[in-house]
């Protein structure tokens, strides 16, 4: 990196001895983020433009379905379809959920390390358990700062779960610089609990508090599998009202056909529940929103459909 380039920093530290011990085997993916930010960023490639030549940012939220070697829909069966999907698009920014470390390495390899990098850590610490990994196009985005926190009463404690959820839940966030415009923004990526509504509501409130800690002038993008339908649920309402966010599906100038975003490898449900969301600051212009139904020979890349939004910050 040239001396004029911003330096990647990690906000905050693990404030308990237990967490510090768990933090030792950090995932290589997270460690690589430091190295990625330390190199000179390549020149941005031509990308889709908005009105007046303003460059649009292609974003995606994608629950990958954790890797399994058991057919049907094993990771070896799904990996080629996932590779084809992501190469067809390809987004500048992808908030993923459920990915396991080896699975994320596969995706990074398939996307091309000269084109994409990623940031994340396992929710049980290091490379253990599922990640909320964030993939980004290195030609378009430069990470300046990142961190993780856990959705519990002890958000700095790795692996903590205190709100009745038996599964660990967490957040990965990154402050990026858009190399096409020089502007900065914050991206937060999460996966809320699949059973406990109490946990989901407490998680939404914690996310709102954490978002409030960032510079108010920075745009926000929030991606995730929220495990409840958009609208008519306190989780969605809290994030929009208290978090000062807008649902990109609702604010999009153009939308594709809506399908339920969790399909479980069964026939797609038109106008079904949209539990995977991309939220954004109200000032973010949303050119287009869509649910991606790509499949090949009847095989979907995941049991969730990716949701995409083309935005202008």
Protein backbone atom coordinates (compact mmCIF):
# COMPACT_ATOMS: atom_id res chain seq x y z
CA UNK A 1 0.00 0.00 0.00
CA UNK A 2 1.24 3.48 -0.72
CA UNK A 3 1.77 5.77 2.23
CA UNK A 4 -1.31 7.81 1.30
CA UNK A 5 -3.69 4.84 1.47
CA UNK A 6 -5.83 4.36 4.61
CA UNK A 7 -4.66 1.72 7.07
CA UNK A 8 -6.96 -1.08 8.16
CA UNK A 9 -7.70 -0.94 11.87
CA UNK A 10 -9.74 -3.17 14.15
CA UNK A 11 -12.11 -1.26 16.39
CA UNK A 12 -12.14 -2.30 19.98
CA UNK A 13 -10.61 -5.34 21.58
CA UNK A 14 -11.73 -8.43 23.46
CA UNK A 15 -12.15 -7.19 26.98
CA UNK A 16 -12.20 -10.42 28.95
CA UNK A 17 -9.51 -13.00 29.53
CA UNK A 18 -11.78 -15.77 28.29
CA UNK A 19 -12.45 -13.97 25.06
CA UNK A 20 -8.79 -13.16 24.63
CA UNK A 21 -7.92 -16.83 24.95
CA UNK A 22 -10.51 -17.79 22.40
CA UNK A 23 -9.31 -15.09 20.04
CA UNK A 24 -5.89 -16.68 19.54
CA UNK A 25 -6.78 -19.04 16.66
CA UNK A 26 -8.27 -16.33 14.45
CA UNK A 27 -9.49 -17.46 11.09
CA UNK A 28 -7.05 -17.09 8.25
CA UNK A 29 -9.73 -15.34 6.26
CA UNK A 30 -9.89 -12.53 8.79
CA UNK A 31 -6.12 -12.37 8.99
CA UNK A 32 -5.92 -12.12 5.21
CA UNK A 33 -8.09 -9.04 5.36
CA UNK A 34 -5.21 -7.18 6.96
CA UNK A 35 -2.87 -8.29 4.21
CA UNK A 36 -5.40 -7.41 1.54
CA UNK A 37 -5.80 -3.92 2.92
CA UNK A 38 -2.04 -3.56 3.06
CA UNK A 39 -1.52 -3.96 -0.67
CA UNK A 40 -2.01 -1.32 -3.30
CA UNK A 41 -5.55 -1.53 -4.60
CA UNK A 42 -5.83 -2.28 -8.33
CA UNK A 43 -7.44 0.26 -10.61
CA UNK A 44 -11.23 -0.02 -10.50
CA UNK A 45 -12.77 -1.83 -13.44
CA UNK A 46 -15.65 -0.26 -15.39
CA UNK A 47 -18.89 -0.96 -13.53
CA UNK A 48 -22.62 -0.28 -14.00
CA UNK A 49 -23.40 3.42 -13.80
CA UNK A 50 -26.37 5.31 -12.48
CA UNK A 51 -27.93 8.42 -13.87
CA UNK A 52 -25.41 11.15 -14.57
CA UNK A 53 -22.53 8.69 -14.50
CA UNK A 54 -22.73 7.92 -10.77
CA UNK A 55 -21.31 4.41 -10.30
CA UNK A 56 -23.75 1.91 -8.85
CA UNK A 57 -22.73 -0.69 -6.27
CA UNK A 58 -23.98 -4.25 -6.74
CA UNK A 59 -24.82 -5.87 -3.39
CA UNK A 60 -26.06 -9.31 -2.35
CA UNK A 61 -27.13 -11.13 0.79
CA UNK A 62 -26.73 -14.90 0.50
CA UNK A 63 -27.31 -17.65 3.04
CA UNK A 64 -24.93 -20.25 1.60
CA UNK A 65 -26.29 -23.25 3.49
CA UNK A 66 -23.41 -24.75 5.45
CA UNK A 67 -21.28 -27.32 3.67
CA UNK A 68 -22.33 -30.94 3.97
CA UNK A 69 -20.95 -33.99 2.18
CA UNK A 70 -24.24 -35.88 2.41
CA UNK A 71 -26.35 -36.00 -0.79
CA UNK A 72 -28.68 -34.68 -1.94
CA UNK A 73 -27.65 -31.01 -2.07
CA UNK A 74 -24.21 -31.67 -0.63
CA UNK A 75 -21.58 -28.96 -0.97
CA UNK A 76 -19.75 -30.89 -3.73
CA UNK A 77 -23.06 -30.90 -5.64
CA UNK A 78 -23.80 -27.24 -4.92
CA UNK A 79 -20.34 -25.74 -5.31
CA UNK A 80 -20.34 -25.65 -9.16
CA UNK A 81 -23.78 -24.00 -9.13
CA UNK A 82 -22.66 -21.45 -6.54
CA UNK A 83 -19.58 -20.69 -8.63
CA UNK A 84 -21.68 -20.23 -11.76
CA UNK A 85 -24.17 -17.97 -9.94
CA UNK A 86 -21.53 -15.66 -8.49
CA UNK A 87 -19.57 -15.46 -11.72
CA UNK A 88 -22.74 -14.58 -13.65
CA UNK A 89 -23.56 -11.60 -11.46
CA UNK A 90 -20.86 -10.73 -10.02
CA UNK A 91 -21.62 -8.49 -6.97
CA UNK A 92 -19.19 -5.95 -5.57
CA UNK A 93 -20.28 -6.82 -2.04
CA UNK A 94 -21.70 -10.08 -0.68
CA UNK A 95 -22.89 -10.58 2.89
CA UNK A 96 -22.91 -14.34 3.45
CA UNK A 97 -24.35 -16.48 6.23
CA UNK A 98 -23.70 -20.06 7.38
CA UNK A 99 -20.47 -20.56 5.44
CA UNK A 100 -17.92 -22.90 6.99
CA UNK A 101 -14.22 -22.11 6.74
CA UNK A 102 -13.30 -24.69 4.08
CA UNK A 103 -16.44 -23.77 2.14
CA UNK A 104 -15.50 -20.08 2.18
CA UNK A 105 -12.02 -20.96 0.96
CA UNK A 106 -13.64 -22.83 -1.94
CA UNK A 107 -15.74 -19.80 -2.82
CA UNK A 108 -12.74 -17.48 -2.60
CA UNK A 109 -10.83 -19.80 -4.95
CA UNK A 110 -13.76 -19.99 -7.37
CA UNK A 111 -14.22 -16.22 -7.44
CA UNK A 112 -10.50 -15.61 -7.99
CA UNK A 113 -8.19 -14.21 -5.36
CA UNK A 114 -7.06 -11.41 -7.67
CA UNK A 115 -10.68 -10.22 -7.88
CA UNK A 116 -12.20 -10.91 -4.45
CA UNK A 117 -11.16 -11.07 -0.84
CA UNK A 118 -13.16 -11.72 2.31
CA UNK A 119 -13.37 -10.87 6.00
CA UNK A 120 -14.83 -13.04 8.73
CA UNK A 121 -14.33 -15.24 11.76
CA UNK A 122 -16.16 -18.30 13.00
CA UNK A 123 -18.96 -17.66 15.44
CA UNK A 124 -17.32 -20.03 17.94
CA UNK A 125 -13.97 -18.29 17.41
CA UNK A 126 -11.20 -18.74 14.88
CA UNK A 127 -12.19 -21.09 12.09
CA UNK A 128 -14.81 -22.86 14.21
CA UNK A 129 -18.50 -22.99 13.31
CA UNK A 130 -20.33 -20.80 10.81
CA UNK A 131 -19.15 -17.41 9.53
CA UNK A 132 -20.92 -14.15 8.65
CA UNK A 133 -18.24 -13.65 6.00
CA UNK A 134 -18.19 -10.54 3.81
CA UNK A 135 -16.80 -10.94 0.29
CA UNK A 136 -15.80 -7.83 -1.63
CA UNK A 137 -14.48 -6.91 -5.05
CA UNK A 138 -10.96 -5.59 -4.42
CA UNK A 139 -11.11 -3.49 -7.57
CA UNK A 140 -14.04 -1.53 -6.17
CA UNK A 141 -13.86 -1.68 -2.36
CA UNK A 142 -11.10 -1.14 0.18
CA UNK A 143 -11.70 -2.22 3.81
CA UNK A 144 -10.60 0.44 6.29
CA UNK A 145 -11.82 -1.07 9.54
CA UNK A 146 -13.71 -4.18 10.64
CA UNK A 147 -14.82 -6.08 13.70
CA UNK A 148 -17.24 -8.69 15.00
CA UNK A 149 -19.65 -8.80 17.90
CA UNK A 150 -21.90 -11.48 19.32
CA UNK A 151 -25.65 -11.17 19.71
CA UNK A 152 -25.87 -11.59 23.45
CA UNK A 153 -25.57 -9.69 26.72
CA UNK A 154 -21.80 -10.12 26.29
CA UNK A 155 -21.26 -8.94 22.71
CA UNK A 156 -17.46 -8.87 23.07
CA UNK A 157 -17.30 -12.46 24.31
CA UNK A 158 -16.64 -14.86 21.44
CA UNK A 159 -19.22 -17.63 21.28
CA UNK A 160 -21.61 -16.06 23.81
CA UNK A 161 -25.35 -16.80 23.61
CA UNK A 162 -27.54 -15.49 26.46
CA UNK A 163 -31.00 -14.76 25.01
CA UNK A 164 -32.45 -18.26 24.84
CA UNK A 165 -30.94 -19.20 21.48
CA UNK A 166 -29.07 -22.50 21.49
CA UNK A 167 -27.17 -21.49 18.34
CA UNK A 168 -24.46 -18.81 18.54
CA UNK A 169 -25.40 -15.67 16.62
CA UNK A 170 -23.08 -12.85 15.63
CA UNK A 171 -22.35 -9.85 13.40
CA UNK A 172 -19.45 -8.96 11.12
CA UNK A 173 -19.13 -5.33 10.05
CA UNK A 174 -16.73 -3.52 7.75
CA UNK A 175 -16.13 0.14 7.00
CA UNK A 176 -15.28 0.37 3.32
CA UNK A 177 -14.00 3.01 0.95
CA UNK A 178 -15.59 2.90 -2.48
CA UNK A 179 -12.64 3.24 -4.85
CA UNK A 180 -14.88 4.52 -7.64
CA UNK A 181 -16.07 7.54 -5.65
CA UNK A 182 -13.76 7.85 -2.64
CA UNK A 183 -16.78 7.70 -0.35
CA UNK A 184 -16.92 5.57 2.78
CA UNK A 185 -19.79 3.44 4.06
CA UNK A 186 -20.47 0.82 6.71
CA UNK A 187 -21.62 -2.70 5.89
CA UNK A 188 -23.06 -4.89 8.67
CA UNK A 189 -23.86 -8.56 8.05
CA UNK A 190 -25.73 -10.95 10.37
CA UNK A 191 -27.88 -14.05 10.82
CA UNK A 192 -30.57 -13.94 13.50
CA UNK A 193 -31.84 -16.93 15.42
CA UNK A 194 -34.17 -19.38 13.70
CA UNK A 195 -36.29 -20.24 16.77
CA UNK A 196 -36.26 -17.57 19.46
CA UNK A 197 -38.27 -14.42 18.73
CA UNK A 198 -36.99 -12.94 22.00
CA UNK A 199 -33.42 -13.42 20.77
CA UNK A 200 -34.25 -11.87 17.40
CA UNK A 201 -35.80 -8.80 19.02
CA UNK A 202 -32.88 -8.34 21.43
CA UNK A 203 -30.49 -8.83 18.52
CA UNK A 204 -32.23 -6.15 16.46
CA UNK A 205 -32.02 -3.71 19.37
CA UNK A 206 -28.29 -4.40 19.82
CA UNK A 207 -27.65 -3.91 16.11
CA UNK A 208 -29.45 -0.57 16.27
CA UNK A 209 -27.25 0.54 19.18
CA UNK A 210 -24.09 -0.50 17.37
CA UNK A 211 -25.11 1.27 14.16
CA UNK A 212 -25.56 4.45 16.19
CA UNK A 213 -21.89 4.31 17.19
CA UNK A 214 -20.69 4.97 13.63
CA UNK A 215 -20.20 8.40 12.12
CA UNK A 216 -23.74 9.56 11.32
CA UNK A 217 -22.62 10.88 7.93
CA UNK A 218 -21.65 7.41 6.69
CA UNK A 219 -24.23 5.45 4.66
CA UNK A 220 -25.15 2.04 6.08
CA UNK A 221 -25.88 -1.24 4.36
CA UNK A 222 -27.22 -4.13 6.46
CA UNK A 223 -27.46 -7.63 5.02
CA UNK A 224 -28.64 -10.82 6.61
CA UNK A 225 -30.91 -13.78 7.10
CA UNK A 226 -33.33 -12.44 9.70
CA UNK A 227 -35.47 -15.58 9.94
CA UNK A 228 -38.73 -13.59 9.98
CA UNK A 229 -40.73 -12.13 7.09
CA UNK A 230 -40.24 -8.48 6.28
CA UNK A 231 -43.10 -6.30 7.61
CA UNK A 232 -45.46 -7.07 10.44
CA UNK A 233 -42.66 -8.16 12.74
CA UNK A 234 -40.92 -6.20 15.54
CA UNK A 235 -37.48 -7.15 14.16
CA UNK A 236 -38.12 -5.45 10.82
CA UNK A 237 -39.88 -2.53 12.49
CA UNK A 238 -37.04 -1.95 14.97
CA UNK A 239 -34.34 -1.95 12.35
CA UNK A 240 -36.25 0.44 10.11
CA UNK A 241 -37.62 2.85 12.72
CA UNK A 242 -34.96 2.83 15.44
CA UNK A 243 -32.09 1.93 13.11
CA UNK A 244 -33.08 4.67 10.65
CA UNK A 245 -32.93 2.23 7.74
CA UNK A 246 -35.04 1.52 4.67
CA UNK A 247 -35.77 -1.87 3.14
CA UNK A 248 -34.22 -1.80 -0.33
CA UNK A 249 -36.98 -4.07 -1.67
CA UNK A 250 -39.56 -1.43 -0.77
CA UNK A 251 -37.53 1.59 -1.89
CA UNK A 252 -36.25 0.12 -5.18
CA UNK A 253 -37.12 1.96 -8.38
CA UNK A 254 -37.44 -1.41 -10.11
CA UNK A 255 -38.05 -4.85 -8.65
CA UNK A 256 -37.93 -8.36 -9.97
CA UNK A 257 -40.51 -11.02 -9.14
CA UNK A 258 -40.80 -11.82 -5.46
CA UNK A 259 -40.32 -15.37 -4.21
CA UNK A 260 -40.05 -16.74 -0.70
CA UNK A 261 -36.32 -16.56 -0.06
CA UNK A 262 -36.13 -19.82 1.91
CA UNK A 263 -37.22 -22.73 -0.27
CA UNK A 264 -35.57 -25.76 1.35
CA UNK A 265 -34.96 -27.27 -2.12
CA UNK A 266 -38.70 -27.44 -2.72
CA UNK A 267 -40.67 -25.63 -5.46
CA UNK A 268 -40.34 -21.86 -5.24
CA UNK A 269 -43.21 -19.90 -3.69
CA UNK A 270 -44.20 -16.76 -5.65
CA UNK A 271 -44.91 -13.81 -3.33
CA UNK A 272 -43.66 -15.88 -0.41
CA UNK A 273 -41.96 -14.69 2.76
CA UNK A 274 -38.84 -12.60 2.25
CA UNK A 275 -36.68 -13.43 5.28
CA UNK A 276 -33.37 -12.35 3.69
CA UNK A 277 -33.06 -8.57 3.52
CA UNK A 278 -30.79 -5.78 2.36
CA UNK A 279 -31.42 -2.63 4.39
CA UNK A 280 -29.86 0.76 3.71
CA UNK A 281 -29.76 4.33 4.93
CA UNK A 282 -32.74 6.29 3.57
CA UNK A 283 -30.40 8.47 1.48
CA UNK A 284 -29.14 5.47 -0.48
CA UNK A 285 -30.74 5.31 -3.91
CA UNK A 286 -31.87 1.80 -4.85
CA UNK A 287 -31.91 1.37 -8.60
CA UNK A 288 -33.04 -2.24 -8.63
CA UNK A 289 -33.86 -5.10 -6.24
CA UNK A 290 -34.28 -8.74 -7.12
CA UNK A 291 -34.48 -12.28 -5.80
CA UNK A 292 -32.08 -14.50 -7.72
CA UNK A 293 -33.62 -17.85 -8.72
CA UNK A 294 -30.61 -19.28 -10.56
CA UNK A 295 -30.43 -23.07 -10.64
CA UNK A 296 -28.73 -25.58 -12.92
CA UNK A 297 -30.22 -28.96 -13.84
CA UNK A 298 -32.64 -28.59 -10.93
CA UNK A 299 -29.88 -27.92 -8.40
CA UNK A 300 -29.99 -24.66 -6.44
CA UNK A 301 -26.79 -23.28 -4.92
CA UNK A 302 -28.41 -23.11 -1.48
CA UNK A 303 -31.69 -23.66 0.35
CA UNK A 304 -32.06 -19.85 0.30
CA UNK A 305 -32.35 -17.59 -2.73
CA UNK A 306 -29.88 -14.70 -2.82
CA UNK A 307 -31.35 -11.20 -2.63
CA UNK A 308 -29.66 -8.41 -4.59
CA UNK A 309 -29.82 -4.63 -4.74
CA UNK A 310 -28.10 -2.19 -7.07
CA UNK A 311 -27.52 0.96 -5.05
CA UNK A 312 -25.97 4.40 -5.28
CA UNK A 313 -24.45 5.67 -2.06
